[in-house]
Amino acid sequence: METTKKHKKSKGGRPAKEVKRNKTITVHCSAFEQRLLKEKGKDAGITVSEYLREIGLAGKIDRPKREFPKDALLLKGTLNHIAANLNQIAKKRNSGENLNTYMREQLEELSAQLHTLTITIRNYFS
């Protein structure tokens, strides 16, 4: 009698990876930056993708936190106060007190300019 042994047939090919990397991120850079990234990857003995992935996930980029200088905070507060006062004056004057049309327009314009200035200052520091 013959004994038959069944062999599991291998599919062949490369074994499946544990973590499949199938997503793409496009990075825009200059020719010089591209060359530099390739050189840094080559120096580390890895591909550019591996280099960027390691730097992005494990690396740290220090950026100083911007803080509002005290002078800027005082200026912003003062400008807000002036704008609020001008708005109150304009509202009172618009209710019928003695103020010509030209002066009302000037008060409203000045209030808007001060408000825009405070927004510009706030956006600069945020």
PDB file of N, CA and C in Angstrom:
ATOM      1  N   MET A   1       0.807  -1.168   0.000  1.00  0.00           N
ATOM      2  CA  MET A   1       0.000   0.000   0.000  1.00  0.00           C
ATOM      3  C   MET A   1       0.860   1.245   0.000  1.00  0.00           C
ATOM      4  N   GLU A   2       0.396   2.133  -0.740  1.00  0.00           N
ATOM      5  CA  GLU A   2       1.128   3.395  -0.850  1.00  0.00           C
ATOM      6  C   GLU A   2       0.550   4.425   0.113  1.00  0.00           C
ATOM      7  N   THR A   3       1.423   5.133   0.740  1.00  0.00           N
ATOM      8  CA  THR A   3       0.968   6.234   1.592  1.00  0.00           C
ATOM      9  C   THR A   3       1.022   7.518   0.771  1.00  0.00           C
ATOM     10  N   THR A   4      -0.071   8.187   0.839  1.00  0.00           N
ATOM     11  CA  THR A   4      -0.122   9.461   0.104  1.00  0.00           C
ATOM     12  C   THR A   4      -0.031  10.614   1.099  1.00  0.00           C
ATOM     13  N   LYS A   5       0.828  11.486   0.777  1.00  0.00           N
ATOM     14  CA  LYS A   5       1.015  12.688   1.588  1.00  0.00           C
ATOM     15  C   LYS A   5       0.489  13.880   0.801  1.00  0.00           C
ATOM     16  N   LYS A   6      -0.333  14.639   1.462  1.00  0.00           N
ATOM     17  CA  LYS A   6      -0.827  15.835   0.793  1.00  0.00           C
ATOM     18  C   LYS A   6       0.074  17.003   1.175  1.00  0.00           C
ATOM     19  N   HIS A   7       0.537  17.662   0.188  1.00  0.00           N
ATOM     20  CA  HIS A   7       1.369  18.850   0.411  1.00  0.00           C
ATOM     21  C   HIS A   7       0.515  20.085   0.206  1.00  0.00           C
ATOM     22  N   LYS A   8       0.694  21.038   1.113  1.00  0.00           N
ATOM     23  CA  LYS A   8       0.029  22.326   0.940  1.00  0.00           C
ATOM     24  C   LYS A   8       0.780  23.081  -0.134  1.00  0.00           C
ATOM     25  N   LYS A   9       0.059  23.467  -1.147  1.00  0.00           N
ATOM     26  CA  LYS A   9       0.705  24.167  -2.245  1.00  0.00           C
ATOM     27  C   LYS A   9       0.824  25.658  -1.920  1.00  0.00           C
ATOM     28  N   SER A  10       2.014  26.194  -2.017  1.00  0.00           N
ATOM     29  CA  SER A  10       2.271  27.601  -1.739  1.00  0.00           C
ATOM     30  C   SER A  10       1.821  28.434  -2.919  1.00  0.00           C
ATOM     31  N   LYS A  11       1.222  29.564  -2.619  1.00  0.00           N
ATOM     32  CA  LYS A  11       0.808  30.476  -3.680  1.00  0.00           C
ATOM     33  C   LYS A  11       2.010  31.111  -4.361  1.00  0.00           C
ATOM     34  N   GLY A  12       3.076  31.266  -3.610  1.00  0.00           N
ATOM     35  CA  GLY A  12       4.261  31.909  -4.158  1.00  0.00           C
ATOM     36  C   GLY A  12       4.171  33.414  -4.004  1.00  0.00           C
ATOM     37  N   GLY A  13       5.203  34.087  -4.416  1.00  0.00           N
ATOM     38  CA  GLY A  13       5.220  35.542  -4.338  1.00  0.00           C
ATOM     39  C   GLY A  13       5.674  36.055  -2.983  1.00  0.00           C
ATOM     40  N   ARG A  14       5.609  37.342  -2.851  1.00  0.00           N
ATOM     41  CA  ARG A  14       6.050  38.019  -1.637  1.00  0.00           C
ATOM     42  C   ARG A  14       5.014  37.833  -0.524  1.00  0.00           C
ATOM     43  N   PRO A  15       5.475  37.579   0.701  1.00  0.00           N
ATOM     44  CA  PRO A  15       4.516  37.451   1.802  1.00  0.00           C
ATOM     45  C   PRO A  15       3.821  38.785   2.086  1.00  0.00           C
ATOM     46  N   ALA A  16       2.589  38.696   2.566  1.00  0.00           N
ATOM     47  CA  ALA A  16       1.807  39.903   2.860  1.00  0.00           C
ATOM     48  C   ALA A  16       2.435  40.672   4.024  1.00  0.00           C
ATOM     49  N   LYS A  17       2.393  42.010   3.918  1.00  0.00           N
ATOM     50  CA  LYS A  17       2.924  42.862   4.982  1.00  0.00           C
ATOM     51  C   LYS A  17       1.889  43.019   6.083  1.00  0.00           C
ATOM     52  N   GLU A  18       2.373  43.235   7.303  1.00  0.00           N
ATOM     53  CA  GLU A  18       1.471  43.441   8.428  1.00  0.00           C
ATOM     54  C   GLU A  18       0.710  44.756   8.281  1.00  0.00           C
ATOM     55  N   VAL A  19       1.423  45.806   7.935  1.00  0.00           N
ATOM     56  CA  VAL A  19       0.811  47.123   7.760  1.00  0.00           C
ATOM     57  C   VAL A  19       0.960  47.501   6.296  1.00  0.00           C
ATOM     58  N   LYS A  20      -0.161  47.607   5.612  1.00  0.00           N
ATOM     59  CA  LYS A  20      -0.141  47.945   4.199  1.00  0.00           C
ATOM     60  C   LYS A  20      -0.191  49.458   4.045  1.00  0.00           C
ATOM     61  N   ARG A  21       0.802  50.006   3.388  1.00  0.00           N
ATOM     62  CA  ARG A  21       0.851  51.457   3.168  1.00  0.00           C
ATOM     63  C   ARG A  21       0.384  51.730   1.745  1.00  0.00           C
ATOM     64  N   ASN A  22      -0.881  52.104   1.632  1.00  0.00           N
ATOM     65  CA  ASN A  22      -1.447  52.327   0.310  1.00  0.00           C
ATOM     66  C   ASN A  22      -2.043  53.724   0.143  1.00  0.00           C
ATOM     67  N   LYS A  23      -1.749  54.624   1.038  1.00  0.00           N
ATOM     68  CA  LYS A  23      -2.225  56.008   0.949  1.00  0.00           C
ATOM     69  C   LYS A  23      -1.075  56.910   0.534  1.00  0.00           C
ATOM     70  N   THR A  24      -1.400  57.951  -0.233  1.00  0.00           N
ATOM     71  CA  THR A  24      -0.378  58.841  -0.777  1.00  0.00           C
ATOM     72  C   THR A  24      -0.590  60.257  -0.264  1.00  0.00           C
ATOM     73  N   ILE A  25       0.515  60.905   0.074  1.00  0.00           N
ATOM     74  CA  ILE A  25       0.514  62.331   0.418  1.00  0.00           C
ATOM     75  C   ILE A  25       1.484  63.001  -0.553  1.00  0.00           C
ATOM     76  N   THR A  26       1.025  64.031  -1.210  1.00  0.00           N
ATOM     77  CA  THR A  26       1.870  64.749  -2.153  1.00  0.00           C
ATOM     78  C   THR A  26       2.520  65.936  -1.450  1.00  0.00           C
ATOM     79  N   VAL A  27       3.807  66.102  -1.670  1.00  0.00           N
ATOM     80  CA  VAL A  27       4.548  67.193  -1.049  1.00  0.00           C
ATOM     81  C   VAL A  27       5.150  68.048  -2.163  1.00  0.00           C
ATOM     82  N   HIS A  28       4.904  69.326  -2.107  1.00  0.00           N
ATOM     83  CA  HIS A  28       5.488  70.249  -3.082  1.00  0.00           C
ATOM     84  C   HIS A  28       6.784  70.808  -2.521  1.00  0.00           C
ATOM     85  N   CYS A  29       7.814  70.782  -3.338  1.00  0.00           N
ATOM     86  CA  CYS A  29       9.089  71.336  -2.910  1.00  0.00           C
ATOM     87  C   CYS A  29       9.866  71.786  -4.146  1.00  0.00           C
ATOM     88  N   SER A  30      10.922  72.537  -3.915  1.00  0.00           N
ATOM     89  CA  SER A  30      11.770  72.988  -5.015  1.00  0.00           C
ATOM     90  C   SER A  30      12.711  71.856  -5.416  1.00  0.00           C
ATOM     91  N   ALA A  31      13.393  72.027  -6.536  1.00  0.00           N
ATOM     92  CA  ALA A  31      14.349  71.019  -7.000  1.00  0.00           C
ATOM     93  C   ALA A  31      15.469  70.846  -5.981  1.00  0.00           C
ATOM     94  N   PHE A  32      15.907  71.934  -5.391  1.00  0.00           N
ATOM     95  CA  PHE A  32      16.962  71.862  -4.375  1.00  0.00           C
ATOM     96  C   PHE A  32      16.491  71.076  -3.152  1.00  0.00           C
ATOM     97  N   GLU A  33      15.263  71.380  -2.687  1.00  0.00           N
ATOM     98  CA  GLU A  33      14.729  70.677  -1.527  1.00  0.00           C
ATOM     99  C   GLU A  33      14.559  69.184  -1.814  1.00  0.00           C
ATOM    100  N   GLN A  34      14.116  68.864  -3.030  1.00  0.00           N
ATOM    101  CA  GLN A  34      13.962  67.458  -3.407  1.00  0.00           C
ATOM    102  C   GLN A  34      15.305  66.735  -3.373  1.00  0.00           C
ATOM    103  N   ARG A  35      16.314  67.354  -3.940  1.00  0.00           N
ATOM    104  CA  ARG A  35      17.651  66.764  -3.954  1.00  0.00           C
ATOM    105  C   ARG A  35      18.174  66.574  -2.532  1.00  0.00           C
ATOM    106  N   LEU A  36      17.933  67.568  -1.679  1.00  0.00           N
ATOM    107  CA  LEU A  36      18.374  67.496  -0.294  1.00  0.00           C
ATOM    108  C   LEU A  36      17.668  66.363   0.458  1.00  0.00           C
ATOM    109  N   LEU A  37      16.359  66.205   0.240  1.00  0.00           N
ATOM    110  CA  LEU A  37      15.617  65.121   0.887  1.00  0.00           C
ATOM    111  C   LEU A  37      16.113  63.755   0.427  1.00  0.00           C
ATOM    112  N   LYS A  38      16.394  63.641  -0.863  1.00  0.00           N
ATOM    113  CA  LYS A  38      16.920  62.370  -1.385  1.00  0.00           C
ATOM    114  C   LYS A  38      18.274  62.049  -0.757  1.00  0.00           C
ATOM    115  N   GLU A  39      19.135  63.056  -0.644  1.00  0.00           N
ATOM    116  CA  GLU A  39      20.458  62.847  -0.046  1.00  0.00           C
ATOM    117  C   GLU A  39      20.346  62.456   1.422  1.00  0.00           C
ATOM    118  N   LYS A  40      19.455  63.116   2.161  1.00  0.00           N
ATOM    119  CA  LYS A  40      19.295  62.784   3.574  1.00  0.00           C
ATOM    120  C   LYS A  40      18.752  61.375   3.742  1.00  0.00           C
ATOM    121  N   GLY A  41      17.825  60.977   2.873  1.00  0.00           N
ATOM    122  CA  GLY A  41      17.307  59.611   2.916  1.00  0.00           C
ATOM    123  C   GLY A  41      18.385  58.602   2.585  1.00  0.00           C
ATOM    124  N   LYS A  42      19.196  58.930   1.580  1.00  0.00           N
ATOM    125  CA  LYS A  42      20.279  58.034   1.176  1.00  0.00           C
ATOM    126  C   LYS A  42      21.314  57.908   2.295  1.00  0.00           C
ATOM    127  N   ASP A  43      21.645  59.026   2.944  1.00  0.00           N
ATOM    128  CA  ASP A  43      22.594  58.997   4.065  1.00  0.00           C
ATOM    129  C   ASP A  43      22.081  58.129   5.204  1.00  0.00           C
ATOM    130  N   ALA A  44      20.763  58.140   5.405  1.00  0.00           N
ATOM    131  CA  ALA A  44      20.166  57.333   6.472  1.00  0.00           C
ATOM    132  C   ALA A  44      19.958  55.885   6.027  1.00  0.00           C
ATOM    133  N   GLY A  45      20.150  55.622   4.728  1.00  0.00           N
ATOM    134  CA  GLY A  45      19.987  54.269   4.213  1.00  0.00           C
ATOM    135  C   GLY A  45      18.537  53.860   4.007  1.00  0.00           C
ATOM    136  N   ILE A  46      17.661  54.847   3.807  1.00  0.00           N
ATOM    137  CA  ILE A  46      16.249  54.559   3.595  1.00  0.00           C
ATOM    138  C   ILE A  46      15.738  55.380   2.418  1.00  0.00           C
ATOM    139  N   THR A  47      14.517  55.078   1.974  1.00  0.00           N
ATOM    140  CA  THR A  47      13.939  55.823   0.862  1.00  0.00           C
ATOM    141  C   THR A  47      13.467  57.194   1.338  1.00  0.00           C
ATOM    142  N   VAL A  48      13.161  58.058   0.377  1.00  0.00           N
ATOM    143  CA  VAL A  48      12.649  59.389   0.715  1.00  0.00           C
ATOM    144  C   VAL A  48      11.327  59.251   1.469  1.00  0.00           C
ATOM    145  N   SER A  49      10.462  58.334   1.035  1.00  0.00           N
ATOM    146  CA  SER A  49       9.184  58.121   1.718  1.00  0.00           C
ATOM    147  C   SER A  49       9.394  57.713   3.167  1.00  0.00           C
ATOM    148  N   GLU A  50      10.296  56.767   3.389  1.00  0.00           N
ATOM    149  CA  GLU A  50      10.569  56.325   4.754  1.00  0.00           C
ATOM    150  C   GLU A  50      11.157  57.469   5.588  1.00  0.00           C
ATOM    151  N   TYR A  51      12.049  58.248   4.972  1.00  0.00           N
ATOM    152  CA  TYR A  51      12.674  59.368   5.669  1.00  0.00           C
ATOM    153  C   TYR A  51      11.621  60.387   6.101  1.00  0.00           C
ATOM    154  N   LEU A  52      10.753  60.796   5.167  1.00  0.00           N
ATOM    155  CA  LEU A  52       9.724  61.780   5.486  1.00  0.00           C
ATOM    156  C   LEU A  52       8.732  61.232   6.510  1.00  0.00           C
ATOM    157  N   ARG A  53       8.398  59.953   6.409  1.00  0.00           N
ATOM    158  CA  ARG A  53       7.477  59.341   7.361  1.00  0.00           C
ATOM    159  C   ARG A  53       8.083  59.340   8.764  1.00  0.00           C
ATOM    160  N   GLU A  54       9.351  58.977   8.864  1.00  0.00           N
ATOM    161  CA  GLU A  54      10.015  58.956  10.174  1.00  0.00           C
ATOM    162  C   GLU A  54      10.120  60.355  10.766  1.00  0.00           C
ATOM    163  N   ILE A  55      10.512  61.315   9.952  1.00  0.00           N
ATOM    164  CA  ILE A  55      10.629  62.695  10.441  1.00  0.00           C
ATOM    165  C   ILE A  55       9.252  63.220  10.849  1.00  0.00           C
ATOM    166  N   GLY A  56       8.247  62.931  10.029  1.00  0.00           N
ATOM    167  CA  GLY A  56       6.900  63.428  10.316  1.00  0.00           C
ATOM    168  C   GLY A  56       6.266  62.799  11.537  1.00  0.00           C
ATOM    169  N   LEU A  57       6.518  61.507  11.761  1.00  0.00           N
ATOM    170  CA  LEU A  57       5.866  60.821  12.874  1.00  0.00           C
ATOM    171  C   LEU A  57       6.688  60.853  14.156  1.00  0.00           C
ATOM    172  N   ALA A  58       7.997  60.813  14.043  1.00  0.00           N
ATOM    173  CA  ALA A  58       8.828  60.729  15.242  1.00  0.00           C
ATOM    174  C   ALA A  58       9.616  62.000  15.501  1.00  0.00           C
ATOM    175  N   GLY A  59       9.829  62.787  14.463  1.00  0.00           N
ATOM    176  CA  GLY A  59      10.641  63.993  14.611  1.00  0.00           C
ATOM    177  C   GLY A  59       9.884  65.094  15.303  1.00  0.00           C
ATOM    178  N   LYS A  60      10.617  66.093  15.734  1.00  0.00           N
ATOM    179  CA  LYS A  60      10.008  67.214  16.423  1.00  0.00           C
ATOM    180  C   LYS A  60      10.525  68.498  15.809  1.00  0.00           C
ATOM    181  N   ILE A  61       9.611  69.395  15.519  1.00  0.00           N
ATOM    182  CA  ILE A  61       9.981  70.692  14.980  1.00  0.00           C
ATOM    183  C   ILE A  61       9.609  71.728  16.021  1.00  0.00           C
ATOM    184  N   ASP A  62      10.601  72.425  16.520  1.00  0.00           N
ATOM    185  CA  ASP A  62      10.363  73.433  17.543  1.00  0.00           C
ATOM    186  C   ASP A  62      10.012  74.757  16.886  1.00  0.00           C
ATOM    187  N   ARG A  63       8.863  75.268  17.241  1.00  0.00           N
ATOM    188  CA  ARG A  63       8.460  76.595  16.790  1.00  0.00           C
ATOM    189  C   ARG A  63       8.135  77.408  18.030  1.00  0.00           C
ATOM    190  N   PRO A  64       8.728  78.571  18.146  1.00  0.00           N
ATOM    191  CA  PRO A  64       8.467  79.370  19.344  1.00  0.00           C
ATOM    192  C   PRO A  64       7.016  79.841  19.378  1.00  0.00           C
ATOM    193  N   LYS A  65       6.421  79.807  20.555  1.00  0.00           N
ATOM    194  CA  LYS A  65       5.070  80.306  20.726  1.00  0.00           C
ATOM    195  C   LYS A  65       5.111  81.819  20.736  1.00  0.00           C
ATOM    196  N   ARG A  66       4.197  82.407  19.970  1.00  0.00           N
ATOM    197  CA  ARG A  66       4.125  83.865  19.984  1.00  0.00           C
ATOM    198  C   ARG A  66       3.218  84.293  21.118  1.00  0.00           C
ATOM    199  N   GLU A  67       3.677  85.254  21.862  1.00  0.00           N
ATOM    200  CA  GLU A  67       2.894  85.790  22.964  1.00  0.00           C
ATOM    201  C   GLU A  67       2.577  87.247  22.668  1.00  0.00           C
ATOM    202  N   PHE A  68       1.432  87.671  23.166  1.00  0.00           N
ATOM    203  CA  PHE A  68       1.069  89.059  22.994  1.00  0.00           C
ATOM    204  C   PHE A  68       1.969  89.925  23.875  1.00  0.00           C
ATOM    205  N   PRO A  69       2.676  90.875  23.279  1.00  0.00           N
ATOM    206  CA  PRO A  69       3.426  91.819  24.106  1.00  0.00           C
ATOM    207  C   PRO A  69       2.432  92.672  24.911  1.00  0.00           C
ATOM    208  N   LYS A  70       2.841  93.062  26.104  1.00  0.00           N
ATOM    209  CA  LYS A  70       1.956  93.860  26.963  1.00  0.00           C
ATOM    210  C   LYS A  70       1.528  95.146  26.272  1.00  0.00           C
ATOM    211  N   ASP A  71       2.449  95.765  25.544  1.00  0.00           N
ATOM    212  CA  ASP A  71       2.119  97.010  24.851  1.00  0.00           C
ATOM    213  C   ASP A  71       1.018  96.799  23.818  1.00  0.00           C
ATOM    214  N   ALA A  72       1.090  95.674  23.102  1.00  0.00           N
ATOM    215  CA  ALA A  72       0.073  95.391  22.087  1.00  0.00           C
ATOM    216  C   ALA A  72      -1.278  95.139  22.745  1.00  0.00           C
ATOM    217  N   LEU A  73      -1.286  94.439  23.878  1.00  0.00           N
ATOM    218  CA  LEU A  73      -2.541  94.201  24.591  1.00  0.00           C
ATOM    219  C   LEU A  73      -3.152  95.515  25.086  1.00  0.00           C
ATOM    220  N   LEU A  74      -2.299  96.396  25.616  1.00  0.00           N
ATOM    221  CA  LEU A  74      -2.793  97.694  26.069  1.00  0.00           C
ATOM    222  C   LEU A  74      -3.335  98.520  24.904  1.00  0.00           C
ATOM    223  N   LEU A  75      -2.637  98.482  23.780  1.00  0.00           N
ATOM    224  CA  LEU A  75      -3.080  99.215  22.593  1.00  0.00           C
ATOM    225  C   LEU A  75      -4.419  98.679  22.110  1.00  0.00           C
ATOM    226  N   LYS A  76      -4.539  97.359  22.056  1.00  0.00           N
ATOM    227  CA  LYS A  76      -5.798  96.746  21.611  1.00  0.00           C
ATOM    228  C   LYS A  76      -6.944  97.139  22.530  1.00  0.00           C
ATOM    229  N   GLY A  77      -6.707  97.077  23.846  1.00  0.00           N
ATOM    230  CA  GLY A  77      -7.744  97.462  24.790  1.00  0.00           C
ATOM    231  C   GLY A  77      -8.149  98.917  24.644  1.00  0.00           C
ATOM    232  N   THR A  78      -7.169  99.770  24.457  1.00  0.00           N
ATOM    233  CA  THR A  78      -7.440 101.198  24.291  1.00  0.00           C
ATOM    234  C   THR A  78      -8.237 101.455  23.018  1.00  0.00           C
ATOM    235  N   LEU A  79      -7.836 100.807  21.945  1.00  0.00           N
ATOM    236  CA  LEU A  79      -8.546 100.999  20.678  1.00  0.00           C
ATOM    237  C   LEU A  79      -9.986 100.487  20.771  1.00  0.00           C
ATOM    238  N   ASN A  80     -10.192  99.371  21.431  1.00  0.00           N
ATOM    239  CA  ASN A  80     -11.555  98.858  21.625  1.00  0.00           C
ATOM    240  C   ASN A  80     -12.392  99.841  22.443  1.00  0.00           C
ATOM    241  N   HIS A  81     -11.774 100.414  23.464  1.00  0.00           N
ATOM    242  CA  HIS A  81     -12.468 101.389  24.307  1.00  0.00           C
ATOM    243  C   HIS A  81     -12.861 102.630  23.495  1.00  0.00           C
ATOM    244  N   ILE A  82     -11.937 103.118  22.698  1.00  0.00           N
ATOM    245  CA  ILE A  82     -12.207 104.294  21.861  1.00  0.00           C
ATOM    246  C   ILE A  82     -13.319 103.991  20.871  1.00  0.00           C
ATOM    247  N   ALA A  83     -13.245 102.818  20.245  1.00  0.00           N
ATOM    248  CA  ALA A  83     -14.260 102.446  19.258  1.00  0.00           C
ATOM    249  C   ALA A  83     -15.638 102.349  19.910  1.00  0.00           C
ATOM    250  N   ALA A  84     -15.698 101.788  21.124  1.00  0.00           N
ATOM    251  CA  ALA A  84     -16.983 101.675  21.819  1.00  0.00           C
ATOM    252  C   ALA A  84     -17.532 103.057  22.158  1.00  0.00           C
ATOM    253  N   ASN A  85     -16.654 103.936  22.636  1.00  0.00           N
ATOM    254  CA  ASN A  85     -17.093 105.301  22.957  1.00  0.00           C
ATOM    255  C   ASN A  85     -17.566 106.050  21.720  1.00  0.00           C
ATOM    256  N   LEU A  86     -16.828 105.926  20.633  1.00  0.00           N
ATOM    257  CA  LEU A  86     -17.243 106.594  19.393  1.00  0.00           C
ATOM    258  C   LEU A  86     -18.585 106.053  18.901  1.00  0.00           C
ATOM    259  N   ASN A  87     -18.778 104.773  19.063  1.00  0.00           N
ATOM    260  CA  ASN A  87     -20.038 104.166  18.641  1.00  0.00           C
ATOM    261  C   ASN A  87     -21.203 104.703  19.498  1.00  0.00           C
ATOM    262  N   GLN A  88     -20.975 104.856  20.805  1.00  0.00           N
ATOM    263  CA  GLN A  88     -22.020 105.397  21.680  1.00  0.00           C
ATOM    264  C   GLN A  88     -22.336 106.847  21.320  1.00  0.00           C
ATOM    265  N   ILE A  89     -21.286 107.617  21.057  1.00  0.00           N
ATOM    266  CA  ILE A  89     -21.488 109.023  20.672  1.00  0.00           C
ATOM    267  C   ILE A  89     -22.264 109.098  19.365  1.00  0.00           C
ATOM    268  N   ALA A  90     -21.870 108.287  18.408  1.00  0.00           N
ATOM    269  CA  ALA A  90     -22.557 108.292  17.121  1.00  0.00           C
ATOM    270  C   ALA A  90     -24.014 107.881  17.281  1.00  0.00           C
ATOM    271  N   LYS A  91     -24.273 106.898  18.135  1.00  0.00           N
ATOM    272  CA  LYS A  91     -25.649 106.444  18.355  1.00  0.00           C
ATOM    273  C   LYS A  91     -26.487 107.555  18.976  1.00  0.00           C
ATOM    274  N   LYS A  92     -25.932 108.237  19.991  1.00  0.00           N
ATOM    275  CA  LYS A  92     -26.656 109.341  20.628  1.00  0.00           C
ATOM    276  C   LYS A  92     -26.912 110.466  19.633  1.00  0.00           C
ATOM    277  N   ARG A  93     -25.894 110.789  18.876  1.00  0.00           N
ATOM    278  CA  ARG A  93     -26.030 111.884  17.905  1.00  0.00           C
ATOM    279  C   ARG A  93     -27.000 111.510  16.790  1.00  0.00           C
ATOM    280  N   ASN A  94     -27.010 110.227  16.414  1.00  0.00           N
ATOM    281  CA  ASN A  94     -27.923 109.786  15.359  1.00  0.00           C
ATOM    282  C   ASN A  94     -29.375 109.777  15.838  1.00  0.00           C
ATOM    283  N   SER A  95     -29.577 109.794  17.139  1.00  0.00           N
ATOM    284  CA  SER A  95     -30.946 109.787  17.663  1.00  0.00           C
ATOM    285  C   SER A  95     -31.615 111.158  17.567  1.00  0.00           C
ATOM    286  N   GLY A  96     -30.903 112.157  17.103  1.00  0.00           N
ATOM    287  CA  GLY A  96     -31.564 113.437  16.867  1.00  0.00           C
ATOM    288  C   GLY A  96     -30.879 114.634  17.478  1.00  0.00           C
ATOM    289  N   GLU A  97     -29.804 114.467  18.160  1.00  0.00           N
ATOM    290  CA  GLU A  97     -29.115 115.614  18.735  1.00  0.00           C
ATOM    291  C   GLU A  97     -28.413 116.396  17.613  1.00  0.00           C
ATOM    292  N   ASN A  98     -27.914 117.571  17.945  1.00  0.00           N
ATOM    293  CA  ASN A  98     -27.337 118.461  16.948  1.00  0.00           C
ATOM    294  C   ASN A  98     -25.994 117.938  16.418  1.00  0.00           C
ATOM    295  N   LEU A  99     -26.037 117.333  15.281  1.00  0.00           N
ATOM    296  CA  LEU A  99     -24.822 116.847  14.618  1.00  0.00           C
ATOM    297  C   LEU A  99     -25.154 116.746  13.135  1.00  0.00           C
ATOM    298  N   ASN A 100     -24.370 117.421  12.310  1.00  0.00           N
ATOM    299  CA  ASN A 100     -24.687 117.392  10.887  1.00  0.00           C
ATOM    300  C   ASN A 100     -24.306 116.048  10.257  1.00  0.00           C
ATOM    301  N   THR A 101     -24.757 115.828   9.051  1.00  0.00           N
ATOM    302  CA  THR A 101     -24.562 114.549   8.358  1.00  0.00           C
ATOM    303  C   THR A 101     -23.086 114.240   8.145  1.00  0.00           C
ATOM    304  N   TYR A 102     -22.322 115.222   7.796  1.00  0.00           N
ATOM    305  CA  TYR A 102     -20.892 115.031   7.560  1.00  0.00           C
ATOM    306  C   TYR A 102     -20.186 114.519   8.820  1.00  0.00           C
ATOM    307  N   MET A 103     -20.520 115.115   9.962  1.00  0.00           N
ATOM    308  CA  MET A 103     -19.875 114.699  11.209  1.00  0.00           C
ATOM    309  C   MET A 103     -20.318 113.291  11.611  1.00  0.00           C
ATOM    310  N   ARG A 104     -21.585 112.938  11.354  1.00  0.00           N
ATOM    311  CA  ARG A 104     -22.051 111.580  11.646  1.00  0.00           C
ATOM    312  C   ARG A 104     -21.273 110.574  10.800  1.00  0.00           C
ATOM    313  N   GLU A 105     -21.088 110.878   9.545  1.00  0.00           N
ATOM    314  CA  GLU A 105     -20.341 109.985   8.655  1.00  0.00           C
ATOM    315  C   GLU A 105     -18.900 109.829   9.127  1.00  0.00           C
ATOM    316  N   GLN A 106     -18.308 110.924   9.555  1.00  0.00           N
ATOM    317  CA  GLN A 106     -16.938 110.867  10.060  1.00  0.00           C
ATOM    318  C   GLN A 106     -16.835 110.001  11.311  1.00  0.00           C
ATOM    319  N   LEU A 107     -17.767 110.143  12.233  1.00  0.00           N
ATOM    320  CA  LEU A 107     -17.759 109.323  13.449  1.00  0.00           C
ATOM    321  C   LEU A 107     -17.912 107.837  13.110  1.00  0.00           C
ATOM    322  N   GLU A 108     -18.824 107.517  12.225  1.00  0.00           N
ATOM    323  CA  GLU A 108     -19.020 106.116  11.837  1.00  0.00           C
ATOM    324  C   GLU A 108     -17.785 105.564  11.129  1.00  0.00           C
ATOM    325  N   GLU A 109     -17.195 106.372  10.267  1.00  0.00           N
ATOM    326  CA  GLU A 109     -15.994 105.942   9.556  1.00  0.00           C
ATOM    327  C   GLU A 109     -14.833 105.715  10.529  1.00  0.00           C
ATOM    328  N   LEU A 110     -14.681 106.618  11.456  1.00  0.00           N
ATOM    329  CA  LEU A 110     -13.612 106.490  12.448  1.00  0.00           C
ATOM    330  C   LEU A 110     -13.812 105.247  13.316  1.00  0.00           C
ATOM    331  N   SER A 111     -15.030 105.003  13.711  1.00  0.00           N
ATOM    332  CA  SER A 111     -15.339 103.811  14.504  1.00  0.00           C
ATOM    333  C   SER A 111     -15.011 102.539  13.720  1.00  0.00           C
ATOM    334  N   ALA A 112     -15.373 102.500  12.460  1.00  0.00           N
ATOM    335  CA  ALA A 112     -15.088 101.332  11.616  1.00  0.00           C
ATOM    336  C   ALA A 112     -13.585 101.137  11.429  1.00  0.00           C
ATOM    337  N   GLN A 113     -12.863 102.242  11.241  1.00  0.00           N
ATOM    338  CA  GLN A 113     -11.412 102.143  11.069  1.00  0.00           C
ATOM    339  C   GLN A 113     -10.736 101.607  12.332  1.00  0.00           C
ATOM    340  N   LEU A 114     -11.169 102.078  13.479  1.00  0.00           N
ATOM    341  CA  LEU A 114     -10.598 101.589  14.735  1.00  0.00           C
ATOM    342  C   LEU A 114     -10.923 100.114  14.943  1.00  0.00           C
ATOM    343  N   HIS A 115     -12.134  99.716  14.614  1.00  0.00           N
ATOM    344  CA  HIS A 115     -12.514  98.315  14.740  1.00  0.00           C
ATOM    345  C   HIS A 115     -11.669  97.441  13.811  1.00  0.00           C
ATOM    346  N   THR A 116     -11.474  97.887  12.583  1.00  0.00           N
ATOM    347  CA  THR A 116     -10.640  97.150  11.623  1.00  0.00           C
ATOM    348  C   THR A 116      -9.205  97.037  12.120  1.00  0.00           C
ATOM    349  N   LEU A 117      -8.716  98.102  12.712  1.00  0.00           N
ATOM    350  CA  LEU A 117      -7.351  98.093  13.247  1.00  0.00           C
ATOM    351  C   LEU A 117      -7.203  97.077  14.374  1.00  0.00           C
ATOM    352  N   THR A 118      -8.180  96.996  15.268  1.00  0.00           N
ATOM    353  CA  THR A 118      -8.098  96.008  16.361  1.00  0.00           C
ATOM    354  C   THR A 118      -8.159  94.583  15.819  1.00  0.00           C
ATOM    355  N   ILE A 119      -8.954  94.354  14.783  1.00  0.00           N
ATOM    356  CA  ILE A 119      -9.011  93.012  14.177  1.00  0.00           C
ATOM    357  C   ILE A 119      -7.678  92.671  13.535  1.00  0.00           C
ATOM    358  N   THR A 120      -7.071  93.634  12.873  1.00  0.00           N
ATOM    359  CA  THR A 120      -5.768  93.418  12.233  1.00  0.00           C
ATOM    360  C   THR A 120      -4.711  93.060  13.279  1.00  0.00           C
ATOM    361  N   ILE A 121      -4.716  93.782  14.379  1.00  0.00           N
ATOM    362  CA  ILE A 121      -3.750  93.512  15.453  1.00  0.00           C
ATOM    363  C   ILE A 121      -3.988  92.115  16.036  1.00  0.00           C
ATOM    364  N   ARG A 122      -5.245  91.767  16.294  1.00  0.00           N
ATOM    365  CA  ARG A 122      -5.566  90.451  16.853  1.00  0.00           C
ATOM    366  C   ARG A 122      -5.148  89.334  15.884  1.00  0.00           C
ATOM    367  N   ASN A 123      -5.448  89.492  14.591  1.00  0.00           N
ATOM    368  CA  ASN A 123      -5.076  88.469  13.610  1.00  0.00           C
ATOM    369  C   ASN A 123      -3.573  88.323  13.467  1.00  0.00           C
ATOM    370  N   TYR A 124      -2.843  89.390  13.657  1.00  0.00           N
ATOM    371  CA  TYR A 124      -1.390  89.323  13.558  1.00  0.00           C
ATOM    372  C   TYR A 124      -0.803  88.386  14.616  1.00  0.00           C
ATOM    373  N   PHE A 125      -1.392  88.388  15.797  1.00  0.00           N
ATOM    374  CA  PHE A 125      -0.851  87.599  16.892  1.00  0.00           C
ATOM    375  C   PHE A 125      -1.523  86.236  17.060  1.00  0.00           C
ATOM    376  N   SER A 126      -2.506  85.922  16.234  1.00  0.00           N
ATOM    377  CA  SER A 126      -3.148  84.602  16.397  1.00  0.00           C
ATOM    378  C   SER A 126      -2.682  83.620  15.357  1.00  0.00           C
TER     379      SER A 126
END
